[in-house]
Amino acid sequence: MTQAKHKYQAYTAATQTVAKTKQIVMLYDGVIRFVQQGKDA
């Protein structure tokens, strides 16, 4: 099984087991991290 398929399966499992509000918090964490890294760049 390819690594990409494992990532997709992990993502699918997370969307079904992690609360939607927690998913939103995690997305915000990602955006903040990318903007901070963009600032550093």
PDB file of all heavy atoms in Angstrom:
ATOM      1  N   MET A   1       0.846  -1.172   0.000  1.00  0.00           N
ATOM      2  CA  MET A   1       0.000   0.000   0.000  1.00  0.00           C
ATOM      3  C   MET A   1       0.895   1.240   0.000  1.00  0.00           C
ATOM      4  O   MET A   1       1.863   1.316   0.724  1.00  0.00           O
ATOM      5  CB  MET A   1      -0.904  -0.014   1.235  1.00  0.00           C
ATOM      6  CG  MET A   1      -2.045   0.939   1.146  1.00  0.00           C
ATOM      7  SD  MET A   1      -3.182   0.856   2.561  1.00  0.00           S
ATOM      8  CE  MET A   1      -3.874  -0.761   2.366  1.00  0.00           C
ATOM      9  N   THR A   2       0.550   2.209  -0.812  1.00  0.00           N
ATOM     10  CA  THR A   2       1.390   3.386  -0.920  1.00  0.00           C
ATOM     11  C   THR A   2       1.240   4.296   0.288  1.00  0.00           C
ATOM     12  O   THR A   2       0.246   4.244   1.005  1.00  0.00           O
ATOM     13  CB  THR A   2       1.035   4.186  -2.187  1.00  0.00           C
ATOM     14  OG1 THR A   2      -0.287   4.695  -2.032  1.00  0.00           O
ATOM     15  CG2 THR A   2       1.128   3.334  -3.441  1.00  0.00           C
ATOM     16  N   GLN A   3       2.248   5.146   0.444  1.00  0.00           N
ATOM     17  CA  GLN A   3       2.232   6.090   1.566  1.00  0.00           C
ATOM     18  C   GLN A   3       1.070   7.072   1.418  1.00  0.00           C
ATOM     19  O   GLN A   3       0.436   7.433   2.400  1.00  0.00           O
ATOM     20  CB  GLN A   3       3.555   6.830   1.643  1.00  0.00           C
ATOM     21  CG  GLN A   3       3.664   7.739   2.842  1.00  0.00           C
ATOM     22  CD  GLN A   3       5.016   8.410   2.928  1.00  0.00           C
ATOM     23  OE1 GLN A   3       5.822   8.343   2.025  1.00  0.00           O
ATOM     24  NE2 GLN A   3       5.254   9.071   4.037  1.00  0.00           N
ATOM     25  N   ALA A   4       0.776   7.479   0.190  1.00  0.00           N
ATOM     26  CA  ALA A   4      -0.331   8.415  -0.042  1.00  0.00           C
ATOM     27  C   ALA A   4      -1.655   7.792   0.382  1.00  0.00           C
ATOM     28  O   ALA A   4      -2.516   8.475   0.953  1.00  0.00           O
ATOM     29  CB  ALA A   4      -0.384   8.822  -1.507  1.00  0.00           C
ATOM     30  N   LYS A   5      -1.827   6.505   0.143  1.00  0.00           N
ATOM     31  CA  LYS A   5      -3.060   5.833   0.521  1.00  0.00           C
ATOM     32  C   LYS A   5      -3.196   5.773   2.043  1.00  0.00           C
ATOM     33  O   LYS A   5      -4.287   5.948   2.587  1.00  0.00           O
ATOM     34  CB  LYS A   5      -3.126   4.433  -0.075  1.00  0.00           C
ATOM     35  CG  LYS A   5      -4.474   3.785   0.053  1.00  0.00           C
ATOM     36  CD  LYS A   5      -4.583   2.508  -0.759  1.00  0.00           C
ATOM     37  CE  LYS A   5      -5.967   1.933  -0.647  1.00  0.00           C
ATOM     38  NZ  LYS A   5      -6.127   0.752  -1.460  1.00  0.00           N
ATOM     39  N   HIS A   6      -2.079   5.556   2.744  1.00  0.00           N
ATOM     40  CA  HIS A   6      -2.093   5.556   4.214  1.00  0.00           C
ATOM     41  C   HIS A   6      -2.512   6.919   4.750  1.00  0.00           C
ATOM     42  O   HIS A   6      -3.282   7.008   5.694  1.00  0.00           O
ATOM     43  CB  HIS A   6      -0.719   5.185   4.784  1.00  0.00           C
ATOM     44  CG  HIS A   6      -0.387   3.734   4.681  1.00  0.00           C
ATOM     45  ND1 HIS A   6      -1.087   2.762   5.352  1.00  0.00           N
ATOM     46  CD2 HIS A   6       0.575   3.095   3.972  1.00  0.00           C
ATOM     47  CE1 HIS A   6      -0.569   1.577   5.081  1.00  0.00           C
ATOM     48  NE2 HIS A   6       0.438   1.749   4.238  1.00  0.00           N
ATOM     49  N   LYS A   7      -1.975   7.997   4.138  1.00  0.00           N
ATOM     50  CA  LYS A   7      -2.328   9.339   4.579  1.00  0.00           C
ATOM     51  C   LYS A   7      -3.818   9.592   4.360  1.00  0.00           C
ATOM     52  O   LYS A   7      -4.483  10.178   5.207  1.00  0.00           O
ATOM     53  CB  LYS A   7      -1.502  10.384   3.828  1.00  0.00           C
ATOM     54  CG  LYS A   7      -0.055  10.413   4.236  1.00  0.00           C
ATOM     55  CD  LYS A   7       0.704  11.450   3.437  1.00  0.00           C
ATOM     56  CE  LYS A   7       2.175  11.428   3.791  1.00  0.00           C
ATOM     57  NZ  LYS A   7       2.944  12.373   2.966  1.00  0.00           N
ATOM     58  N   TYR A   8      -4.329   9.156   3.221  1.00  0.00           N
ATOM     59  CA  TYR A   8      -5.747   9.348   2.932  1.00  0.00           C
ATOM     60  C   TYR A   8      -6.603   8.594   3.942  1.00  0.00           C
ATOM     61  O   TYR A   8      -7.590   9.115   4.441  1.00  0.00           O
ATOM     62  CB  TYR A   8      -6.072   8.887   1.512  1.00  0.00           C
ATOM     63  CG  TYR A   8      -7.539   8.980   1.189  1.00  0.00           C
ATOM     64  CD1 TYR A   8      -8.126  10.223   0.935  1.00  0.00           C
ATOM     65  CD2 TYR A   8      -8.346   7.855   1.180  1.00  0.00           C
ATOM     66  CE1 TYR A   8      -9.470  10.331   0.657  1.00  0.00           C
ATOM     67  CE2 TYR A   8      -9.696   7.952   0.911  1.00  0.00           C
ATOM     68  CZ  TYR A   8     -10.254   9.189   0.639  1.00  0.00           C
ATOM     69  OH  TYR A   8     -11.596   9.284   0.380  1.00  0.00           O
ATOM     70  N   GLN A   9      -6.218   7.360   4.268  1.00  0.00           N
ATOM     71  CA  GLN A   9      -6.974   6.572   5.237  1.00  0.00           C
ATOM     72  C   GLN A   9      -6.933   7.220   6.615  1.00  0.00           C
ATOM     73  O   GLN A   9      -7.937   7.247   7.323  1.00  0.00           O
ATOM     74  CB  GLN A   9      -6.437   5.144   5.302  1.00  0.00           C
ATOM     75  CG  GLN A   9      -6.786   4.320   4.084  1.00  0.00           C
ATOM     76  CD  GLN A   9      -6.130   2.955   4.101  1.00  0.00           C
ATOM     77  OE1 GLN A   9      -5.131   2.740   4.770  1.00  0.00           O
ATOM     78  NE2 GLN A   9      -6.713   2.026   3.354  1.00  0.00           N
ATOM     79  N   ALA A  10      -5.780   7.761   6.997  1.00  0.00           N
ATOM     80  CA  ALA A  10      -5.669   8.435   8.293  1.00  0.00           C
ATOM     81  C   ALA A  10      -6.549   9.675   8.314  1.00  0.00           C
ATOM     82  O   ALA A  10      -7.234   9.957   9.304  1.00  0.00           O
ATOM     83  CB  ALA A  10      -4.218   8.818   8.569  1.00  0.00           C
ATOM     84  N   TYR A  11      -6.567  10.424   7.219  1.00  0.00           N
ATOM     85  CA  TYR A  11      -7.404  11.619   7.132  1.00  0.00           C
ATOM     86  C   TYR A  11      -8.876  11.240   7.221  1.00  0.00           C
ATOM     87  O   TYR A  11      -9.651  11.859   7.954  1.00  0.00           O
ATOM     88  CB  TYR A  11      -7.133  12.374   5.822  1.00  0.00           C
ATOM     89  CG  TYR A  11      -8.045  13.544   5.616  1.00  0.00           C
ATOM     90  CD1 TYR A  11      -7.840  14.735   6.302  1.00  0.00           C
ATOM     91  CD2 TYR A  11      -9.132  13.463   4.756  1.00  0.00           C
ATOM     92  CE1 TYR A  11      -8.685  15.815   6.134  1.00  0.00           C
ATOM     93  CE2 TYR A  11      -9.978  14.542   4.579  1.00  0.00           C
ATOM     94  CZ  TYR A  11      -9.742  15.712   5.266  1.00  0.00           C
ATOM     95  OH  TYR A  11     -10.591  16.767   5.090  1.00  0.00           O
ATOM     96  N   THR A  12      -9.270  10.204   6.502  1.00  0.00           N
ATOM     97  CA  THR A  12     -10.664   9.757   6.518  1.00  0.00           C
ATOM     98  C   THR A  12     -11.073   9.335   7.922  1.00  0.00           C
ATOM     99  O   THR A  12     -12.141   9.694   8.400  1.00  0.00           O
ATOM    100  CB  THR A  12     -10.861   8.591   5.533  1.00  0.00           C
ATOM    101  OG1 THR A  12     -10.501   9.050   4.221  1.00  0.00           O
ATOM    102  CG2 THR A  12     -12.295   8.117   5.509  1.00  0.00           C
ATOM    103  N   ALA A  13     -10.203   8.586   8.594  1.00  0.00           N
ATOM    104  CA  ALA A  13     -10.512   8.152   9.960  1.00  0.00           C
ATOM    105  C   ALA A  13     -10.634   9.354  10.892  1.00  0.00           C
ATOM    106  O   ALA A  13     -11.530   9.406  11.730  1.00  0.00           O
ATOM    107  CB  ALA A  13      -9.432   7.194  10.466  1.00  0.00           C
ATOM    108  N   ALA A  14      -9.761  10.334  10.728  1.00  0.00           N
ATOM    109  CA  ALA A  14      -9.798  11.515  11.600  1.00  0.00           C
ATOM    110  C   ALA A  14     -11.085  12.303  11.406  1.00  0.00           C
ATOM    111  O   ALA A  14     -11.671  12.789  12.366  1.00  0.00           O
ATOM    112  CB  ALA A  14      -8.589  12.406  11.340  1.00  0.00           C
ATOM    113  N   THR A  15     -11.544  12.429  10.159  1.00  0.00           N
ATOM    114  CA  THR A  15     -12.766  13.203   9.921  1.00  0.00           C
ATOM    115  C   THR A  15     -13.988  12.514  10.504  1.00  0.00           C
ATOM    116  O   THR A  15     -14.992  13.156  10.766  1.00  0.00           O
ATOM    117  CB  THR A  15     -13.010  13.468   8.423  1.00  0.00           C
ATOM    118  OG1 THR A  15     -13.142  12.223   7.737  1.00  0.00           O
ATOM    119  CG2 THR A  15     -11.897  14.295   7.820  1.00  0.00           C
ATOM    120  N   GLN A  16     -13.885  11.204  10.730  1.00  0.00           N
ATOM    121  CA  GLN A  16     -15.012  10.469  11.287  1.00  0.00           C
ATOM    122  C   GLN A  16     -14.938  10.343  12.809  1.00  0.00           C
ATOM    123  O   GLN A  16     -15.942  10.062  13.447  1.00  0.00           O
ATOM    124  CB  GLN A  16     -15.098   9.083  10.649  1.00  0.00           C
ATOM    125  CG  GLN A  16     -15.419   9.154   9.169  1.00  0.00           C
ATOM    126  CD  GLN A  16     -15.350   7.809   8.486  1.00  0.00           C
ATOM    127  OE1 GLN A  16     -15.088   6.793   9.107  1.00  0.00           O
ATOM    128  NE2 GLN A  16     -15.578   7.796   7.186  1.00  0.00           N
ATOM    129  N   THR A  17     -13.761  10.539  13.382  1.00  0.00           N
ATOM    130  CA  THR A  17     -13.612  10.322  14.822  1.00  0.00           C
ATOM    131  C   THR A  17     -13.320  11.583  15.621  1.00  0.00           C
ATOM    132  O   THR A  17     -13.517  11.589  16.821  1.00  0.00           O
ATOM    133  CB  THR A  17     -12.487   9.298  15.102  1.00  0.00           C
ATOM    134  OG1 THR A  17     -11.263   9.794  14.550  1.00  0.00           O
ATOM    135  CG2 THR A  17     -12.809   7.944  14.509  1.00  0.00           C
ATOM    136  N   VAL A  18     -12.857  12.632  14.972  1.00  0.00           N
ATOM    137  CA  VAL A  18     -12.529  13.875  15.669  1.00  0.00           C
ATOM    138  C   VAL A  18     -13.720  14.817  15.564  1.00  0.00           C
ATOM    139  O   VAL A  18     -14.289  14.994  14.485  1.00  0.00           O
ATOM    140  CB  VAL A  18     -11.263  14.528  15.056  1.00  0.00           C
ATOM    141  CG1 VAL A  18     -10.954  15.859  15.719  1.00  0.00           C
ATOM    142  CG2 VAL A  18     -10.073  13.583  15.175  1.00  0.00           C
ATOM    143  N   ALA A  19     -14.095  15.419  16.675  1.00  0.00           N
ATOM    144  CA  ALA A  19     -15.220  16.352  16.693  1.00  0.00           C
ATOM    145  C   ALA A  19     -14.995  17.463  15.668  1.00  0.00           C
ATOM    146  O   ALA A  19     -13.878  17.917  15.468  1.00  0.00           O
ATOM    147  CB  ALA A  19     -15.375  16.954  18.080  1.00  0.00           C
ATOM    148  N   LYS A  20     -16.078  17.891  15.031  1.00  0.00           N
ATOM    149  CA  LYS A  20     -15.970  18.932  14.005  1.00  0.00           C
ATOM    150  C   LYS A  20     -15.367  20.214  14.558  1.00  0.00           C
ATOM    151  O   LYS A  20     -14.564  20.868  13.889  1.00  0.00           O
ATOM    152  CB  LYS A  20     -17.324  19.196  13.370  1.00  0.00           C
ATOM    153  CG  LYS A  20     -17.826  18.018  12.544  1.00  0.00           C
ATOM    154  CD  LYS A  20     -18.948  18.423  11.628  1.00  0.00           C
ATOM    155  CE  LYS A  20     -19.501  17.243  10.869  1.00  0.00           C
ATOM    156  NZ  LYS A  20     -18.546  16.528  10.056  1.00  0.00           N
ATOM    157  N   THR A  21     -15.729  20.575  15.767  1.00  0.00           N
ATOM    158  CA  THR A  21     -15.159  21.787  16.349  1.00  0.00           C
ATOM    159  C   THR A  21     -13.657  21.632  16.575  1.00  0.00           C
ATOM    160  O   THR A  21     -12.901  22.576  16.396  1.00  0.00           O
ATOM    161  CB  THR A  21     -15.867  22.158  17.662  1.00  0.00           C
ATOM    162  OG1 THR A  21     -15.921  21.009  18.510  1.00  0.00           O
ATOM    163  CG2 THR A  21     -17.280  22.671  17.395  1.00  0.00           C
ATOM    164  N   LYS A  22     -13.227  20.437  16.937  1.00  0.00           N
ATOM    165  CA  LYS A  22     -11.792  20.164  17.112  1.00  0.00           C
ATOM    166  C   LYS A  22     -11.084  20.229  15.758  1.00  0.00           C
ATOM    167  O   LYS A  22      -9.964  20.734  15.660  1.00  0.00           O
ATOM    168  CB  LYS A  22     -11.589  18.790  17.768  1.00  0.00           C
ATOM    169  CG  LYS A  22     -10.143  18.413  17.962  1.00  0.00           C
ATOM    170  CD  LYS A  22      -9.458  19.319  18.954  1.00  0.00           C
ATOM    171  CE  LYS A  22      -8.060  18.825  19.238  1.00  0.00           C
ATOM    172  NZ  LYS A  22      -7.300  19.788  20.019  1.00  0.00           N
ATOM    173  N   GLN A  23     -11.740  19.738  14.703  1.00  0.00           N
ATOM    174  CA  GLN A  23     -11.165  19.813  13.365  1.00  0.00           C
ATOM    175  C   GLN A  23     -10.943  21.270  12.961  1.00  0.00           C
ATOM    176  O   GLN A  23      -9.903  21.610  12.384  1.00  0.00           O
ATOM    177  CB  GLN A  23     -12.076  19.130  12.345  1.00  0.00           C
ATOM    178  CG  GLN A  23     -12.149  17.628  12.492  1.00  0.00           C
ATOM    179  CD  GLN A  23     -13.146  17.011  11.520  1.00  0.00           C
ATOM    180  OE1 GLN A  23     -13.355  17.512  10.427  1.00  0.00           O
ATOM    181  NE2 GLN A  23     -13.774  15.918  11.932  1.00  0.00           N
ATOM    182  N   ILE A  24     -11.892  22.130  13.290  1.00  0.00           N
ATOM    183  CA  ILE A  24     -11.770  23.545  12.951  1.00  0.00           C
ATOM    184  C   ILE A  24     -10.593  24.160  13.706  1.00  0.00           C
ATOM    185  O   ILE A  24      -9.800  24.913  13.129  1.00  0.00           O
ATOM    186  CB  ILE A  24     -13.083  24.296  13.232  1.00  0.00           C
ATOM    187  CG1 ILE A  24     -14.178  23.797  12.281  1.00  0.00           C
ATOM    188  CG2 ILE A  24     -12.899  25.804  13.075  1.00  0.00           C
ATOM    189  CD1 ILE A  24     -15.572  24.257  12.640  1.00  0.00           C
ATOM    190  N   VAL A  25     -10.455  23.824  14.975  1.00  0.00           N
ATOM    191  CA  VAL A  25      -9.324  24.322  15.767  1.00  0.00           C
ATOM    192  C   VAL A  25      -8.010  23.876  15.126  1.00  0.00           C
ATOM    193  O   VAL A  25      -7.065  24.668  14.993  1.00  0.00           O
ATOM    194  CB  VAL A  25      -9.418  23.845  17.239  1.00  0.00           C
ATOM    195  CG1 VAL A  25      -8.140  24.161  18.005  1.00  0.00           C
ATOM    196  CG2 VAL A  25     -10.626  24.463  17.929  1.00  0.00           C
ATOM    197  N   MET A  26      -7.958  22.638  14.704  1.00  0.00           N
ATOM    198  CA  MET A  26      -6.749  22.114  14.074  1.00  0.00           C
ATOM    199  C   MET A  26      -6.453  22.835  12.754  1.00  0.00           C
ATOM    200  O   MET A  26      -5.281  23.117  12.440  1.00  0.00           O
ATOM    201  CB  MET A  26      -6.891  20.608  13.857  1.00  0.00           C
ATOM    202  CG  MET A  26      -6.926  19.822  15.165  1.00  0.00           C
ATOM    203  SD  MET A  26      -7.462  18.100  14.980  1.00  0.00           S
ATOM    204  CE  MET A  26      -6.101  17.406  14.074  1.00  0.00           C
ATOM    205  N   LEU A  27      -7.499  23.141  11.997  1.00  0.00           N
ATOM    206  CA  LEU A  27      -7.302  23.888  10.755  1.00  0.00           C
ATOM    207  C   LEU A  27      -6.766  25.290  11.041  1.00  0.00           C
ATOM    208  O   LEU A  27      -5.865  25.772  10.350  1.00  0.00           O
ATOM    209  CB  LEU A  27      -8.603  23.948   9.951  1.00  0.00           C
ATOM    210  CG  LEU A  27      -9.020  22.628   9.306  1.00  0.00           C
ATOM    211  CD1 LEU A  27     -10.446  22.711   8.778  1.00  0.00           C
ATOM    212  CD2 LEU A  27      -8.053  22.248   8.191  1.00  0.00           C
ATOM    213  N   TYR A  28      -7.318  25.947  12.055  1.00  0.00           N
ATOM    214  CA  TYR A  28      -6.802  27.256  12.443  1.00  0.00           C
ATOM    215  C   TYR A  28      -5.333  27.155  12.855  1.00  0.00           C
ATOM    216  O   TYR A  28      -4.523  28.022  12.500  1.00  0.00           O
ATOM    217  CB  TYR A  28      -7.622  27.871  13.583  1.00  0.00           C
ATOM    218  CG  TYR A  28      -8.808  28.652  13.100  1.00  0.00           C
ATOM    219  CD1 TYR A  28     -10.071  28.090  13.044  1.00  0.00           C
ATOM    220  CD2 TYR A  28      -8.672  29.982  12.711  1.00  0.00           C
ATOM    221  CE1 TYR A  28     -11.165  28.816  12.606  1.00  0.00           C
ATOM    222  CE2 TYR A  28      -9.761  30.717  12.264  1.00  0.00           C
ATOM    223  CZ  TYR A  28     -11.006  30.130  12.218  1.00  0.00           C
ATOM    224  OH  TYR A  28     -12.077  30.849  11.773  1.00  0.00           O
ATOM    225  N   ASP A  29      -4.991  26.122  13.609  1.00  0.00           N
ATOM    226  CA  ASP A  29      -3.589  25.928  14.002  1.00  0.00           C
ATOM    227  C   ASP A  29      -2.697  25.827  12.765  1.00  0.00           C
ATOM    228  O   ASP A  29      -1.603  26.406  12.728  1.00  0.00           O
ATOM    229  CB  ASP A  29      -3.430  24.674  14.865  1.00  0.00           C
ATOM    230  CG  ASP A  29      -3.992  24.834  16.265  1.00  0.00           C
ATOM    231  OD1 ASP A  29      -4.194  25.981  16.722  1.00  0.00           O
ATOM    232  OD2 ASP A  29      -4.249  23.791  16.916  1.00  0.00           O
ATOM    233  N   GLY A  30      -3.170  25.118  11.760  1.00  0.00           N
ATOM    234  CA  GLY A  30      -2.404  24.988  10.515  1.00  0.00           C
ATOM    235  C   GLY A  30      -2.247  26.314   9.797  1.00  0.00           C
ATOM    236  O   GLY A  30      -1.145  26.660   9.341  1.00  0.00           O
ATOM    237  N   VAL A  31      -3.323  27.078   9.698  1.00  0.00           N
ATOM    238  CA  VAL A  31      -3.253  28.381   9.031  1.00  0.00           C
ATOM    239  C   VAL A  31      -2.279  29.296   9.773  1.00  0.00           C
ATOM    240  O   VAL A  31      -1.436  29.957   9.152  1.00  0.00           O
ATOM    241  CB  VAL A  31      -4.651  29.051   8.941  1.00  0.00           C
ATOM    242  CG1 VAL A  31      -4.535  30.458   8.394  1.00  0.00           C
ATOM    243  CG2 VAL A  31      -5.590  28.238   8.098  1.00  0.00           C
ATOM    244  N   ILE A  32      -2.402  29.333  11.084  1.00  0.00           N
ATOM    245  CA  ILE A  32      -1.510  30.183  11.892  1.00  0.00           C
ATOM    246  C   ILE A  32      -0.059  29.770  11.665  1.00  0.00           C
ATOM    247  O   ILE A  32       0.822  30.617  11.474  1.00  0.00           O
ATOM    248  CB  ILE A  32      -1.894  30.103  13.382  1.00  0.00           C
ATOM    249  CG1 ILE A  32      -3.261  30.767  13.597  1.00  0.00           C
ATOM    250  CG2 ILE A  32      -0.815  30.729  14.267  1.00  0.00           C
ATOM    251  CD1 ILE A  32      -3.914  30.451  14.941  1.00  0.00           C
ATOM    252  N   ARG A  33       0.190  28.469  11.666  1.00  0.00           N
ATOM    253  CA  ARG A  33       1.557  27.969  11.453  1.00  0.00           C
ATOM    254  C   ARG A  33       2.078  28.383  10.074  1.00  0.00           C
ATOM    255  O   ARG A  33       3.207  28.879   9.946  1.00  0.00           O
ATOM    256  CB  ARG A  33       1.595  26.444  11.605  1.00  0.00           C
ATOM    257  CG  ARG A  33       2.993  25.850  11.509  1.00  0.00           C
ATOM    258  CD  ARG A  33       3.022  24.343  11.717  1.00  0.00           C
ATOM    259  NE  ARG A  33       2.276  23.646  10.666  1.00  0.00           N
ATOM    260  CZ  ARG A  33       1.091  23.047  10.840  1.00  0.00           C
ATOM    261  NH1 ARG A  33       0.516  23.034  12.023  1.00  0.00           N
ATOM    262  NH2 ARG A  33       0.479  22.444   9.844  1.00  0.00           N
ATOM    263  N   PHE A  34       1.251  28.238   9.023  1.00  0.00           N
ATOM    264  CA  PHE A  34       1.688  28.597   7.674  1.00  0.00           C
ATOM    265  C   PHE A  34       1.941  30.100   7.543  1.00  0.00           C
ATOM    266  O   PHE A  34       2.911  30.515   6.906  1.00  0.00           O
ATOM    267  CB  PHE A  34       0.680  28.142   6.620  1.00  0.00           C
ATOM    268  CG  PHE A  34       0.668  26.658   6.389  1.00  0.00           C
ATOM    269  CD1 PHE A  34      -0.540  25.978   6.272  1.00  0.00           C
ATOM    270  CD2 PHE A  34       1.842  25.921   6.279  1.00  0.00           C
ATOM    271  CE1 PHE A  34      -0.570  24.608   6.056  1.00  0.00           C
ATOM    272  CE2 PHE A  34       1.827  24.547   6.059  1.00  0.00           C
ATOM    273  CZ  PHE A  34       0.616  23.891   5.948  1.00  0.00           C
ATOM    274  N   VAL A  35       1.081  30.919   8.141  1.00  0.00           N
ATOM    275  CA  VAL A  35       1.300  32.371   8.061  1.00  0.00           C
ATOM    276  C   VAL A  35       2.561  32.754   8.835  1.00  0.00           C
ATOM    277  O   VAL A  35       3.352  33.587   8.372  1.00  0.00           O
ATOM    278  CB  VAL A  35       0.062  33.163   8.550  1.00  0.00           C
ATOM    279  CG1 VAL A  35       0.355  34.659   8.581  1.00  0.00           C
ATOM    280  CG2 VAL A  35      -1.146  32.889   7.665  1.00  0.00           C
ATOM    281  N   GLN A  36       2.790  32.136  10.001  1.00  0.00           N
ATOM    282  CA  GLN A  36       4.009  32.414  10.763  1.00  0.00           C
ATOM    283  C   GLN A  36       5.243  32.005   9.964  1.00  0.00           C
ATOM    284  O   GLN A  36       6.233  32.745   9.904  1.00  0.00           O
ATOM    285  CB  GLN A  36       3.988  31.690  12.115  1.00  0.00           C
ATOM    286  CG  GLN A  36       5.218  31.940  12.970  1.00  0.00           C
ATOM    287  CD  GLN A  36       5.419  33.410  13.323  1.00  0.00           C
ATOM    288  OE1 GLN A  36       4.523  34.043  13.856  1.00  0.00           O
ATOM    289  NE2 GLN A  36       6.588  33.957  13.008  1.00  0.00           N
ATOM    290  N   GLN A  37       5.187  30.842   9.347  1.00  0.00           N
ATOM    291  CA  GLN A  37       6.313  30.394   8.528  1.00  0.00           C
ATOM    292  C   GLN A  37       6.484  31.306   7.306  1.00  0.00           C
ATOM    293  O   GLN A  37       7.606  31.578   6.880  1.00  0.00           O
ATOM    294  CB  GLN A  37       6.112  28.943   8.092  1.00  0.00           C
ATOM    295  CG  GLN A  37       6.246  27.954   9.222  1.00  0.00           C
ATOM    296  CD  GLN A  37       5.847  26.528   8.828  1.00  0.00           C
ATOM    297  OE1 GLN A  37       5.273  26.287   7.765  1.00  0.00           O
ATOM    298  NE2 GLN A  37       6.148  25.582   9.699  1.00  0.00           N
ATOM    299  N   GLY A  38       5.360  31.783   6.751  1.00  0.00           N
ATOM    300  CA  GLY A  38       5.417  32.734   5.646  1.00  0.00           C
ATOM    301  C   GLY A  38       6.080  34.032   6.087  1.00  0.00           C
ATOM    302  O   GLY A  38       6.874  34.622   5.344  1.00  0.00           O
ATOM    303  N   LYS A  39       5.752  34.480   7.285  1.00  0.00           N
ATOM    304  CA  LYS A  39       6.378  35.685   7.844  1.00  0.00           C
ATOM    305  C   LYS A  39       7.895  35.484   7.970  1.00  0.00           C
ATOM    306  O   LYS A  39       8.685  36.360   7.607  1.00  0.00           O
ATOM    307  CB  LYS A  39       5.774  36.011   9.209  1.00  0.00           C
ATOM    308  CG  LYS A  39       6.401  37.204   9.879  1.00  0.00           C
ATOM    309  CD  LYS A  39       5.844  37.410  11.280  1.00  0.00           C
ATOM    310  CE  LYS A  39       6.658  38.495  11.989  1.00  0.00           C
ATOM    311  NZ  LYS A  39       6.336  38.592  13.388  1.00  0.00           N
ATOM    312  N   ASP A  40       8.280  34.313   8.468  1.00  0.00           N
ATOM    313  CA  ASP A  40       9.716  34.010   8.587  1.00  0.00           C
ATOM    314  C   ASP A  40      10.389  34.000   7.212  1.00  0.00           C
ATOM    315  O   ASP A  40      11.516  34.479   7.065  1.00  0.00           O
ATOM    316  CB  ASP A  40       9.922  32.662   9.284  1.00  0.00           C
ATOM    317  CG  ASP A  40       9.426  32.656  10.730  1.00  0.00           C
ATOM    318  OD1 ASP A  40       9.221  33.747  11.310  1.00  0.00           O
ATOM    319  OD2 ASP A  40       9.218  31.542  11.266  1.00  0.00           O
ATOM    320  N   ALA A  41       9.680  33.473   6.214  1.00  0.00           N
ATOM    321  CA  ALA A  41      10.222  33.443   4.852  1.00  0.00           C
ATOM    322  C   ALA A  41      10.355  34.858   4.288  1.00  0.00           C
ATOM    323  O   ALA A  41      11.329  35.168   3.587  1.00  0.00           O
ATOM    324  CB  ALA A  41       9.330  32.585   3.951  1.00  0.00           C
TER     325      ALA A  41
END
